[in-house]
Amino acid sequence: MSIIKIQVETSQGAVREVSAGAGCTVLEAIQRGLGPEALEGACEGAVACTTCHVVLQEGEFEKFPPASEEEQDMLDLAYGLKPTSRLGCQLVLKPGMEDFKFSIPCRNRNN
């Protein structure tokens, strides 16, 4: 299995590197690398909250499949929504995504 290292800018502004196997979601990678308090994921990937809201860098955003209608509906409720916002539970890491950067907004809420 391929190990992928990504950069995570925490809600406090610190940048940390985390590693995860290909096939892991961004939510899983951040929780394993930084702990569940770094990115909550209250609905455990059921696309029923926005607590795993992350913001991607331009150019990296396009490397993921488009958000489903269900994800887009949830993102409409996210605090600090940006054009490159996604739910971390819906982003699967693949080889070639090394050093991608994901920013955690200063507030995520459980809707």
PDB file of N, CA and C in Angstrom:
ATOM      1  N   MET A   1       0.847  -1.181   0.000  1.00  0.00           N
ATOM      2  CA  MET A   1       0.000   0.000   0.000  1.00  0.00           C
ATOM      3  C   MET A   1       0.889   1.239   0.000  1.00  0.00           C
ATOM      4  N   SER A   2       0.522   2.178  -0.783  1.00  0.00           N
ATOM      5  CA  SER A   2       1.229   3.454  -0.906  1.00  0.00           C
ATOM      6  C   SER A   2       0.952   4.331   0.313  1.00  0.00           C
ATOM      7  N   ILE A   3       1.982   4.933   0.865  1.00  0.00           N
ATOM      8  CA  ILE A   3       1.825   5.883   1.960  1.00  0.00           C
ATOM      9  C   ILE A   3       1.882   7.287   1.370  1.00  0.00           C
ATOM     10  N   ILE A   4       0.909   8.092   1.747  1.00  0.00           N
ATOM     11  CA  ILE A   4       0.789   9.448   1.229  1.00  0.00           C
ATOM     12  C   ILE A   4       0.943  10.424   2.385  1.00  0.00           C
ATOM     13  N   LYS A   5       1.837  11.381   2.227  1.00  0.00           N
ATOM     14  CA  LYS A   5       2.030  12.431   3.232  1.00  0.00           C
ATOM     15  C   LYS A   5       1.306  13.677   2.752  1.00  0.00           C
ATOM     16  N   ILE A   6       0.453  14.220   3.633  1.00  0.00           N
ATOM     17  CA  ILE A   6      -0.264  15.447   3.308  1.00  0.00           C
ATOM     18  C   ILE A   6       0.066  16.505   4.355  1.00  0.00           C
ATOM     19  N   GLN A   7      -0.175  17.750   3.996  1.00  0.00           N
ATOM     20  CA  GLN A   7       0.024  18.880   4.901  1.00  0.00           C
ATOM     21  C   GLN A   7      -1.344  19.314   5.417  1.00  0.00           C
ATOM     22  N   VAL A   8      -1.424  19.563   6.716  1.00  0.00           N
ATOM     23  CA  VAL A   8      -2.677  19.991   7.330  1.00  0.00           C
ATOM     24  C   VAL A   8      -2.434  21.290   8.082  1.00  0.00           C
ATOM     25  N   GLU A   9      -3.147  22.324   7.695  1.00  0.00           N
ATOM     26  CA  GLU A   9      -3.110  23.571   8.463  1.00  0.00           C
ATOM     27  C   GLU A   9      -4.247  23.500   9.472  1.00  0.00           C
ATOM     28  N   THR A  10      -3.889  23.438  10.744  1.00  0.00           N
ATOM     29  CA  THR A  10      -4.893  23.301  11.796  1.00  0.00           C
ATOM     30  C   THR A  10      -5.706  24.584  11.929  1.00  0.00           C
ATOM     31  N   SER A  11      -6.770  24.495  12.689  1.00  0.00           N
ATOM     32  CA  SER A  11      -7.613  25.669  12.904  1.00  0.00           C
ATOM     33  C   SER A  11      -6.877  26.761  13.675  1.00  0.00           C
ATOM     34  N   GLN A  12      -5.749  26.418  14.317  1.00  0.00           N
ATOM     35  CA  GLN A  12      -4.921  27.406  15.021  1.00  0.00           C
ATOM     36  C   GLN A  12      -3.826  27.973  14.120  1.00  0.00           C
ATOM     37  N   GLY A  13      -3.712  27.492  12.872  1.00  0.00           N
ATOM     38  CA  GLY A  13      -2.750  28.028  11.933  1.00  0.00           C
ATOM     39  C   GLY A  13      -1.435  27.269  11.830  1.00  0.00           C
ATOM     40  N   ALA A  14      -1.236  26.245  12.661  1.00  0.00           N
ATOM     41  CA  ALA A  14      -0.014  25.437  12.574  1.00  0.00           C
ATOM     42  C   ALA A  14      -0.116  24.475  11.402  1.00  0.00           C
ATOM     43  N   VAL A  15       0.993  24.246  10.714  1.00  0.00           N
ATOM     44  CA  VAL A  15       1.010  23.291   9.604  1.00  0.00           C
ATOM     45  C   VAL A  15       1.700  22.022  10.082  1.00  0.00           C
ATOM     46  N   ARG A  16       1.012  20.899   9.928  1.00  0.00           N
ATOM     47  CA  ARG A  16       1.519  19.593  10.357  1.00  0.00           C
ATOM     48  C   ARG A  16       1.485  18.632   9.178  1.00  0.00           C
ATOM     49  N   GLU A  17       2.409  17.692   9.173  1.00  0.00           N
ATOM     50  CA  GLU A  17       2.411  16.650   8.154  1.00  0.00           C
ATOM     51  C   GLU A  17       1.809  15.394   8.762  1.00  0.00           C
ATOM     52  N   VAL A  18       0.920  14.752   8.019  1.00  0.00           N
ATOM     53  CA  VAL A  18       0.373  13.457   8.439  1.00  0.00           C
ATOM     54  C   VAL A  18       0.530  12.474   7.288  1.00  0.00           C
ATOM     55  N   SER A  19       0.630  11.207   7.628  1.00  0.00           N
ATOM     56  CA  SER A  19       0.779  10.139   6.635  1.00  0.00           C
ATOM     57  C   SER A  19      -0.406   9.200   6.730  1.00  0.00           C
ATOM     58  N   ALA A  20      -0.824   8.704   5.587  1.00  0.00           N
ATOM     59  CA  ALA A  20      -1.929   7.745   5.541  1.00  0.00           C
ATOM     60  C   ALA A  20      -1.755   6.868   4.318  1.00  0.00           C
ATOM     61  N   GLY A  21      -2.363   5.714   4.376  1.00  0.00           N
ATOM     62  CA  GLY A  21      -2.328   4.816   3.239  1.00  0.00           C
ATOM     63  C   GLY A  21      -3.290   5.261   2.152  1.00  0.00           C
ATOM     64  N   ALA A  22      -2.939   4.969   0.917  1.00  0.00           N
ATOM     65  CA  ALA A  22      -3.851   5.230  -0.196  1.00  0.00           C
ATOM     66  C   ALA A  22      -5.172   4.538   0.107  1.00  0.00           C
ATOM     67  N   GLY A  23      -6.262   5.199  -0.197  1.00  0.00           N
ATOM     68  CA  GLY A  23      -7.588   4.653   0.087  1.00  0.00           C
ATOM     69  C   GLY A  23      -8.201   5.206   1.355  1.00  0.00           C
ATOM     70  N   CYS A  24      -7.397   5.840   2.207  1.00  0.00           N
ATOM     71  CA  CYS A  24      -7.923   6.503   3.406  1.00  0.00           C
ATOM     72  C   CYS A  24      -8.587   7.807   2.994  1.00  0.00           C
ATOM     73  N   THR A  25      -9.552   8.229   3.764  1.00  0.00           N
ATOM     74  CA  THR A  25     -10.129   9.548   3.524  1.00  0.00           C
ATOM     75  C   THR A  25      -9.268  10.597   4.226  1.00  0.00           C
ATOM     76  N   VAL A  26      -9.433  11.827   3.822  1.00  0.00           N
ATOM     77  CA  VAL A  26      -8.727  12.931   4.472  1.00  0.00           C
ATOM     78  C   VAL A  26      -9.130  12.995   5.937  1.00  0.00           C
ATOM     79  N   LEU A  27     -10.394  12.781   6.245  1.00  0.00           N
ATOM     80  CA  LEU A  27     -10.854  12.752   7.634  1.00  0.00           C
ATOM     81  C   LEU A  27     -10.094  11.704   8.438  1.00  0.00           C
ATOM     82  N   GLU A  28     -10.013  10.485   7.917  1.00  0.00           N
ATOM     83  CA  GLU A  28      -9.293   9.409   8.622  1.00  0.00           C
ATOM     84  C   GLU A  28      -7.823   9.756   8.814  1.00  0.00           C
ATOM     85  N   ALA A  29      -7.202  10.294   7.778  1.00  0.00           N
ATOM     86  CA  ALA A  29      -5.779  10.642   7.849  1.00  0.00           C
ATOM     87  C   ALA A  29      -5.526  11.686   8.930  1.00  0.00           C
ATOM     88  N   ILE A  30      -6.355  12.726   8.963  1.00  0.00           N
ATOM     89  CA  ILE A  30      -6.166  13.788   9.955  1.00  0.00           C
ATOM     90  C   ILE A  30      -6.440  13.267  11.361  1.00  0.00           C
ATOM     91  N   GLN A  31      -7.489  12.489  11.528  1.00  0.00           N
ATOM     92  CA  GLN A  31      -7.789  11.953  12.864  1.00  0.00           C
ATOM     93  C   GLN A  31      -6.689  11.017  13.354  1.00  0.00           C
ATOM     94  N   ARG A  32      -6.157  10.178  12.479  1.00  0.00           N
ATOM     95  CA  ARG A  32      -5.078   9.264  12.885  1.00  0.00           C
ATOM     96  C   ARG A  32      -3.787  10.012  13.181  1.00  0.00           C
ATOM     97  N   GLY A  33      -3.514  11.047  12.387  1.00  0.00           N
ATOM     98  CA  GLY A  33      -2.261  11.770  12.547  1.00  0.00           C
ATOM     99  C   GLY A  33      -2.267  12.835  13.617  1.00  0.00           C
ATOM    100  N   LEU A  34      -3.413  13.495  13.813  1.00  0.00           N
ATOM    101  CA  LEU A  34      -3.486  14.613  14.748  1.00  0.00           C
ATOM    102  C   LEU A  34      -4.474  14.404  15.889  1.00  0.00           C
ATOM    103  N   GLY A  35      -5.237  13.329  15.820  1.00  0.00           N
ATOM    104  CA  GLY A  35      -6.236  13.047  16.852  1.00  0.00           C
ATOM    105  C   GLY A  35      -7.616  13.510  16.423  1.00  0.00           C
ATOM    106  N   PRO A  36      -8.646  12.883  16.978  1.00  0.00           N
ATOM    107  CA  PRO A  36     -10.019  13.203  16.583  1.00  0.00           C
ATOM    108  C   PRO A  36     -10.439  14.631  16.922  1.00  0.00           C
ATOM    109  N   GLU A  37      -9.757  15.255  17.862  1.00  0.00           N
ATOM    110  CA  GLU A  37     -10.107  16.637  18.204  1.00  0.00           C
ATOM    111  C   GLU A  37      -9.690  17.627  17.114  1.00  0.00           C
ATOM    112  N   ALA A  38      -8.780  17.228  16.242  1.00  0.00           N
ATOM    113  CA  ALA A  38      -8.325  18.112  15.162  1.00  0.00           C
ATOM    114  C   ALA A  38      -9.403  18.306  14.098  1.00  0.00           C
ATOM    115  N   LEU A  39     -10.163  17.257  13.826  1.00  0.00           N
ATOM    116  CA  LEU A  39     -11.242  17.296  12.826  1.00  0.00           C
ATOM    117  C   LEU A  39     -12.278  16.271  13.266  1.00  0.00           C
ATOM    118  N   GLU A  40     -13.402  16.751  13.747  1.00  0.00           N
ATOM    119  CA  GLU A  40     -14.351  15.894  14.453  1.00  0.00           C
ATOM    120  C   GLU A  40     -14.948  14.756  13.628  1.00  0.00           C
ATOM    121  N   GLY A  41     -15.624  15.055  12.560  1.00  0.00           N
ATOM    122  CA  GLY A  41     -16.286  13.996  11.796  1.00  0.00           C
ATOM    123  C   GLY A  41     -17.415  13.353  12.569  1.00  0.00           C
ATOM    124  N   ALA A  42     -18.317  14.169  13.124  1.00  0.00           N
ATOM    125  CA  ALA A  42     -19.370  13.693  14.024  1.00  0.00           C
ATOM    126  C   ALA A  42     -20.279  12.635  13.413  1.00  0.00           C
ATOM    127  N   CYS A  43     -20.551  12.713  12.121  1.00  0.00           N
ATOM    128  CA  CYS A  43     -21.481  11.755  11.502  1.00  0.00           C
ATOM    129  C   CYS A  43     -20.771  10.518  10.965  1.00  0.00           C
ATOM    130  N   GLU A  44     -19.457  10.433  11.181  1.00  0.00           N
ATOM    131  CA  GLU A  44     -18.655   9.281  10.770  1.00  0.00           C
ATOM    132  C   GLU A  44     -18.757   8.980   9.275  1.00  0.00           C
ATOM    133  N   GLY A  45     -18.791  10.020   8.469  1.00  0.00           N
ATOM    134  CA  GLY A  45     -18.779   9.840   7.022  1.00  0.00           C
ATOM    135  C   GLY A  45     -20.134   9.651   6.373  1.00  0.00           C
ATOM    136  N   ALA A  46     -21.205   9.893   7.105  1.00  0.00           N
ATOM    137  CA  ALA A  46     -22.551   9.701   6.563  1.00  0.00           C
ATOM    138  C   ALA A  46     -23.066  10.923   5.795  1.00  0.00           C
ATOM    139  N   VAL A  47     -22.241  11.947   5.645  1.00  0.00           N
ATOM    140  CA  VAL A  47     -22.585  13.192   4.959  1.00  0.00           C
ATOM    141  C   VAL A  47     -23.827  13.810   5.602  1.00  0.00           C
ATOM    142  N   ALA A  48     -23.816  13.864   6.931  1.00  0.00           N
ATOM    143  CA  ALA A  48     -24.946  14.414   7.680  1.00  0.00           C
ATOM    144  C   ALA A  48     -24.523  15.573   8.578  1.00  0.00           C
ATOM    145  N   CYS A  49     -23.298  16.071   8.421  1.00  0.00           N
ATOM    146  CA  CYS A  49     -22.825  17.214   9.199  1.00  0.00           C
ATOM    147  C   CYS A  49     -21.693  17.884   8.427  1.00  0.00           C
ATOM    148  N   THR A  50     -21.162  18.952   8.980  1.00  0.00           N
ATOM    149  CA  THR A  50     -20.051  19.641   8.329  1.00  0.00           C
ATOM    150  C   THR A  50     -18.822  19.698   9.232  1.00  0.00           C
ATOM    151  N   THR A  51     -18.738  18.823  10.210  1.00  0.00           N
ATOM    152  CA  THR A  51     -17.630  18.880  11.161  1.00  0.00           C
ATOM    153  C   THR A  51     -16.306  18.386  10.585  1.00  0.00           C
ATOM    154  N   CYS A  52     -16.305  17.896   9.368  1.00  0.00           N
ATOM    155  CA  CYS A  52     -15.043  17.504   8.719  1.00  0.00           C
ATOM    156  C   CYS A  52     -14.755  18.401   7.518  1.00  0.00           C
ATOM    157  N   HIS A  53     -15.311  19.607   7.543  1.00  0.00           N
ATOM    158  CA  HIS A  53     -15.113  20.590   6.476  1.00  0.00           C
ATOM    159  C   HIS A  53     -13.641  20.967   6.396  1.00  0.00           C
ATOM    160  N   VAL A  54     -13.073  20.847   5.206  1.00  0.00           N
ATOM    161  CA  VAL A  54     -11.696  21.266   4.947  1.00  0.00           C
ATOM    162  C   VAL A  54     -11.680  22.131   3.689  1.00  0.00           C
ATOM    163  N   VAL A  55     -10.627  22.917   3.563  1.00  0.00           N
ATOM    164  CA  VAL A  55     -10.453  23.767   2.390  1.00  0.00           C
ATOM    165  C   VAL A  55      -9.185  23.313   1.679  1.00  0.00           C
ATOM    166  N   LEU A  56      -9.305  23.066   0.391  1.00  0.00           N
ATOM    167  CA  LEU A  56      -8.179  22.619  -0.422  1.00  0.00           C
ATOM    168  C   LEU A  56      -7.536  23.800  -1.129  1.00  0.00           C
ATOM    169  N   GLN A  57      -6.340  23.580  -1.618  1.00  0.00           N
ATOM    170  CA  GLN A  57      -5.632  24.579  -2.410  1.00  0.00           C
ATOM    171  C   GLN A  57      -6.153  24.531  -3.846  1.00  0.00           C
ATOM    172  N   GLU A  58      -6.149  25.697  -4.501  1.00  0.00           N
ATOM    173  CA  GLU A  58      -6.480  25.741  -5.929  1.00  0.00           C
ATOM    174  C   GLU A  58      -5.536  24.772  -6.643  1.00  0.00           C
ATOM    175  N   GLY A  59      -5.992  24.099  -7.635  1.00  0.00           N
ATOM    176  CA  GLY A  59      -5.165  23.153  -8.376  1.00  0.00           C
ATOM    177  C   GLY A  59      -5.219  21.750  -7.787  1.00  0.00           C
ATOM    178  N   GLU A  60      -5.329  21.654  -6.478  1.00  0.00           N
ATOM    179  CA  GLU A  60      -5.472  20.341  -5.830  1.00  0.00           C
ATOM    180  C   GLU A  60      -6.942  19.964  -5.753  1.00  0.00           C
ATOM    181  N   PHE A  61      -7.804  20.952  -5.624  1.00  0.00           N
ATOM    182  CA  PHE A  61      -9.248  20.751  -5.551  1.00  0.00           C
ATOM    183  C   PHE A  61      -9.741  19.944  -6.749  1.00  0.00           C
ATOM    184  N   GLU A  62      -9.218  20.261  -7.918  1.00  0.00           N
ATOM    185  CA  GLU A  62      -9.656  19.615  -9.156  1.00  0.00           C
ATOM    186  C   GLU A  62      -9.183  18.170  -9.284  1.00  0.00           C
ATOM    187  N   LYS A  63      -8.266  17.738  -8.440  1.00  0.00           N
ATOM    188  CA  LYS A  63      -7.737  16.367  -8.510  1.00  0.00           C
ATOM    189  C   LYS A  63      -8.696  15.345  -7.906  1.00  0.00           C
ATOM    190  N   PHE A  64      -9.720  15.825  -7.211  1.00  0.00           N
ATOM    191  CA  PHE A  64     -10.717  14.940  -6.610  1.00  0.00           C
ATOM    192  C   PHE A  64     -11.972  14.924  -7.461  1.00  0.00           C
ATOM    193  N   PRO A  65     -12.728  13.822  -7.443  1.00  0.00           N
ATOM    194  CA  PRO A  65     -14.011  13.813  -8.157  1.00  0.00           C
ATOM    195  C   PRO A  65     -14.914  14.922  -7.610  1.00  0.00           C
ATOM    196  N   PRO A  66     -15.823  15.431  -8.420  1.00  0.00           N
ATOM    197  CA  PRO A  66     -16.730  16.485  -7.946  1.00  0.00           C
ATOM    198  C   PRO A  66     -17.557  16.011  -6.746  1.00  0.00           C
ATOM    199  N   ALA A  67     -17.961  16.977  -5.934  1.00  0.00           N
ATOM    200  CA  ALA A  67     -18.818  16.670  -4.782  1.00  0.00           C
ATOM    201  C   ALA A  67     -20.178  16.180  -5.265  1.00  0.00           C
ATOM    202  N   SER A  68     -20.730  15.224  -4.531  1.00  0.00           N
ATOM    203  CA  SER A  68     -22.085  14.749  -4.835  1.00  0.00           C
ATOM    204  C   SER A  68     -23.086  15.852  -4.466  1.00  0.00           C
ATOM    205  N   GLU A  69     -24.285  15.709  -4.927  1.00  0.00           N
ATOM    206  CA  GLU A  69     -25.329  16.678  -4.576  1.00  0.00           C
ATOM    207  C   GLU A  69     -25.553  16.699  -3.068  1.00  0.00           C
ATOM    208  N   GLU A  70     -25.491  15.528  -2.449  1.00  0.00           N
ATOM    209  CA  GLU A  70     -25.656  15.418  -0.997  1.00  0.00           C
ATOM    210  C   GLU A  70     -24.553  16.196  -0.269  1.00  0.00           C
ATOM    211  N   GLU A  71     -23.309  16.045  -0.722  1.00  0.00           N
ATOM    212  CA  GLU A  71     -22.200  16.779  -0.111  1.00  0.00           C
ATOM    213  C   GLU A  71     -22.354  18.276  -0.349  1.00  0.00           C
ATOM    214  N   GLN A  72     -22.730  18.673  -1.545  1.00  0.00           N
ATOM    215  CA  GLN A  72     -22.924  20.094  -1.841  1.00  0.00           C
ATOM    216  C   GLN A  72     -23.987  20.711  -0.938  1.00  0.00           C
ATOM    217  N   ASP A  73     -25.070  19.962  -0.692  1.00  0.00           N
ATOM    218  CA  ASP A  73     -26.127  20.451   0.200  1.00  0.00           C
ATOM    219  C   ASP A  73     -25.597  20.669   1.613  1.00  0.00           C
ATOM    220  N   MET A  74     -24.769  19.757   2.103  1.00  0.00           N
ATOM    221  CA  MET A  74     -24.194  19.917   3.444  1.00  0.00           C
ATOM    222  C   MET A  74     -23.209  21.077   3.464  1.00  0.00           C
ATOM    223  N   LEU A  75     -22.396  21.211   2.426  1.00  0.00           N
ATOM    224  CA  LEU A  75     -21.422  22.304   2.385  1.00  0.00           C
ATOM    225  C   LEU A  75     -22.099  23.670   2.432  1.00  0.00           C
ATOM    226  N   ASP A  76     -23.312  23.764   1.907  1.00  0.00           N
ATOM    227  CA  ASP A  76     -24.048  25.028   1.973  1.00  0.00           C
ATOM    228  C   ASP A  76     -24.260  25.473   3.419  1.00  0.00           C
ATOM    229  N   LEU A  77     -24.180  24.553   4.367  1.00  0.00           N
ATOM    230  CA  LEU A  77     -24.376  24.851   5.784  1.00  0.00           C
ATOM    231  C   LEU A  77     -23.061  25.088   6.529  1.00  0.00           C
ATOM    232  N   ALA A  78     -21.946  24.892   5.844  1.00  0.00           N
ATOM    233  CA  ALA A  78     -20.638  24.965   6.505  1.00  0.00           C
ATOM    234  C   ALA A  78     -20.240  26.398   6.821  1.00  0.00           C
ATOM    235  N   TYR A  79     -19.630  26.573   7.975  1.00  0.00           N
ATOM    236  CA  TYR A  79     -19.078  27.868   8.375  1.00  0.00           C
ATOM    237  C   TYR A  79     -17.816  28.140   7.555  1.00  0.00           C
ATOM    238  N   GLY A  80     -17.671  29.347   7.056  1.00  0.00           N
ATOM    239  CA  GLY A  80     -16.456  29.717   6.345  1.00  0.00           C
ATOM    240  C   GLY A  80     -16.301  29.038   4.997  1.00  0.00           C
ATOM    241  N   LEU A  81     -17.390  28.769   4.321  1.00  0.00           N
ATOM    242  CA  LEU A  81     -17.360  28.075   3.037  1.00  0.00           C
ATOM    243  C   LEU A  81     -16.512  28.841   2.022  1.00  0.00           C
ATOM    244  N   LYS A  82     -15.660  28.124   1.319  1.00  0.00           N
ATOM    245  CA  LYS A  82     -14.800  28.675   0.270  1.00  0.00           C
ATOM    246  C   LYS A  82     -15.088  27.931  -1.034  1.00  0.00           C
ATOM    247  N   PRO A  83     -14.682  28.488  -2.173  1.00  0.00           N
ATOM    248  CA  PRO A  83     -14.902  27.790  -3.451  1.00  0.00           C
ATOM    249  C   PRO A  83     -14.234  26.411  -3.505  1.00  0.00           C
ATOM    250  N   THR A  84     -13.183  26.199  -2.703  1.00  0.00           N
ATOM    251  CA  THR A  84     -12.488  24.902  -2.702  1.00  0.00           C
ATOM    252  C   THR A  84     -12.787  24.092  -1.433  1.00  0.00           C
ATOM    253  N   SER A  85     -13.928  24.336  -0.800  1.00  0.00           N
ATOM    254  CA  SER A  85     -14.334  23.582   0.389  1.00  0.00           C
ATOM    255  C   SER A  85     -14.853  22.206   0.000  1.00  0.00           C
ATOM    256  N   ARG A  86     -14.553  21.237   0.846  1.00  0.00           N
ATOM    257  CA  ARG A  86     -15.080  19.874   0.697  1.00  0.00           C
ATOM    258  C   ARG A  86     -15.239  19.279   2.087  1.00  0.00           C
ATOM    259  N   LEU A  87     -15.930  18.150   2.158  1.00  0.00           N
ATOM    260  CA  LEU A  87     -16.011  17.377   3.394  1.00  0.00           C
ATOM    261  C   LEU A  87     -14.902  16.340   3.362  1.00  0.00           C
ATOM    262  N   GLY A  88     -14.075  16.325   4.398  1.00  0.00           N
ATOM    263  CA  GLY A  88     -12.927  15.416   4.455  1.00  0.00           C
ATOM    264  C   GLY A  88     -13.312  13.951   4.388  1.00  0.00           C
ATOM    265  N   CYS A  89     -14.519  13.617   4.813  1.00  0.00           N
ATOM    266  CA  CYS A  89     -14.962  12.216   4.775  1.00  0.00           C
ATOM    267  C   CYS A  89     -15.213  11.738   3.351  1.00  0.00           C
ATOM    268  N   GLN A  90     -15.317  12.662   2.409  1.00  0.00           N
ATOM    269  CA  GLN A  90     -15.618  12.310   1.026  1.00  0.00           C
ATOM    270  C   GLN A  90     -14.399  12.354   0.108  1.00  0.00           C
ATOM    271  N   LEU A  91     -13.244  12.688   0.670  1.00  0.00           N
ATOM    272  CA  LEU A  91     -12.021  12.823  -0.129  1.00  0.00           C
ATOM    273  C   LEU A  91     -11.108  11.634   0.119  1.00  0.00           C
ATOM    274  N   VAL A  92     -10.951  10.778  -0.877  1.00  0.00           N
ATOM    275  CA  VAL A  92     -10.113   9.585  -0.758  1.00  0.00           C
ATOM    276  C   VAL A  92      -8.725   9.899  -1.326  1.00  0.00           C
ATOM    277  N   LEU A  93      -7.714   9.607  -0.515  1.00  0.00           N
ATOM    278  CA  LEU A  93      -6.329   9.863  -0.925  1.00  0.00           C
ATOM    279  C   LEU A  93      -5.839   8.798  -1.888  1.00  0.00           C
ATOM    280  N   LYS A  94      -5.112   9.239  -2.916  1.00  0.00           N
ATOM    281  CA  LYS A  94      -4.555   8.335  -3.924  1.00  0.00           C
ATOM    282  C   LYS A  94      -3.102   8.710  -4.186  1.00  0.00           C
ATOM    283  N   PRO A  95      -2.319   7.781  -4.718  1.00  0.00           N
ATOM    284  CA  PRO A  95      -0.957   8.141  -5.108  1.00  0.00           C
ATOM    285  C   PRO A  95      -0.986   9.370  -6.021  1.00  0.00           C
ATOM    286  N   GLY A  96      -0.007  10.225  -5.867  1.00  0.00           N
ATOM    287  CA  GLY A  96       0.043  11.457  -6.630  1.00  0.00           C
ATOM    288  C   GLY A  96      -0.499  12.651  -5.858  1.00  0.00           C
ATOM    289  N   MET A  97      -1.040  12.388  -4.672  1.00  0.00           N
ATOM    290  CA  MET A  97      -1.583  13.471  -3.850  1.00  0.00           C
ATOM    291  C   MET A  97      -0.639  13.842  -2.707  1.00  0.00           C
ATOM    292  N   GLU A  98       0.610  13.415  -2.811  1.00  0.00           N
ATOM    293  CA  GLU A  98       1.591  13.727  -1.781  1.00  0.00           C
ATOM    294  C   GLU A  98       1.753  15.239  -1.667  1.00  0.00           C
ATOM    295  N   ASP A  99       1.863  15.695  -0.447  1.00  0.00           N
ATOM    296  CA  ASP A  99       2.060  17.110  -0.113  1.00  0.00           C
ATOM    297  C   ASP A  99       0.870  18.004  -0.437  1.00  0.00           C
ATOM    298  N   PHE A 100      -0.289  17.422  -0.726  1.00  0.00           N
ATOM    299  CA  PHE A 100      -1.488  18.242  -0.845  1.00  0.00           C
ATOM    300  C   PHE A 100      -1.711  18.915   0.504  1.00  0.00           C
ATOM    301  N   LYS A 101      -2.276  20.113   0.490  1.00  0.00           N
ATOM    302  CA  LYS A 101      -2.499  20.854   1.730  1.00  0.00           C
ATOM    303  C   LYS A 101      -3.990  21.022   1.969  1.00  0.00           C
ATOM    304  N   PHE A 102      -4.412  20.701   3.178  1.00  0.00           N
ATOM    305  CA  PHE A 102      -5.798  20.819   3.605  1.00  0.00           C
ATOM    306  C   PHE A 102      -5.843  21.753   4.805  1.00  0.00           C
ATOM    307  N   SER A 103      -6.687  22.758   4.733  1.00  0.00           N
ATOM    308  CA  SER A 103      -6.831  23.701   5.836  1.00  0.00           C
ATOM    309  C   SER A 103      -8.134  23.417   6.570  1.00  0.00           C
ATOM    310  N   ILE A 104      -8.047  23.430   7.897  1.00  0.00           N
ATOM    311  CA  ILE A 104      -9.227  23.230   8.734  1.00  0.00           C
ATOM    312  C   ILE A 104      -9.730  24.619   9.142  1.00  0.00           C
ATOM    313  N   PRO A 105     -10.967  24.962   8.797  1.00  0.00           N
ATOM    314  CA  PRO A 105     -11.500  26.281   9.181  1.00  0.00           C
ATOM    315  C   PRO A 105     -11.450  26.481  10.699  1.00  0.00           C
ATOM    316  N   CYS A 106     -11.491  27.748  11.102  1.00  0.00           N
ATOM    317  CA  CYS A 106     -11.383  28.048  12.531  1.00  0.00           C
ATOM    318  C   CYS A 106     -12.573  27.519  13.323  1.00  0.00           C
ATOM    319  N   ARG A 107     -13.695  27.271  12.631  1.00  0.00           N
ATOM    320  CA  ARG A 107     -14.847  26.666  13.311  1.00  0.00           C
ATOM    321  C   ARG A 107     -15.507  25.686  12.363  1.00  0.00           C
ATOM    322  N   ASN A 108     -15.837  24.534  12.877  1.00  0.00           N
ATOM    323  CA  ASN A 108     -16.670  23.575  12.166  1.00  0.00           C
ATOM    324  C   ASN A 108     -17.861  23.314  13.058  1.00  0.00           C
ATOM    325  N   ARG A 109     -19.003  23.106  12.466  1.00  0.00           N
ATOM    326  CA  ARG A 109     -20.186  22.906  13.291  1.00  0.00           C
ATOM    327  C   ARG A 109     -20.928  21.646  12.888  1.00  0.00           C
ATOM    328  N   ASN A 110     -21.625  21.093  13.841  1.00  0.00           N
ATOM    329  CA  ASN A 110     -22.438  19.903  13.610  1.00  0.00           C
ATOM    330  C   ASN A 110     -23.843  20.351  13.291  1.00  0.00           C
ATOM    331  N   ASN A 111     -24.251  20.182  12.043  1.00  0.00           N
ATOM    332  CA  ASN A 111     -25.584  20.638  11.611  1.00  0.00           C
ATOM    333  C   ASN A 111     -26.568  19.500  11.628  1.00  0.00           C
TER     334      ASN A 111
END
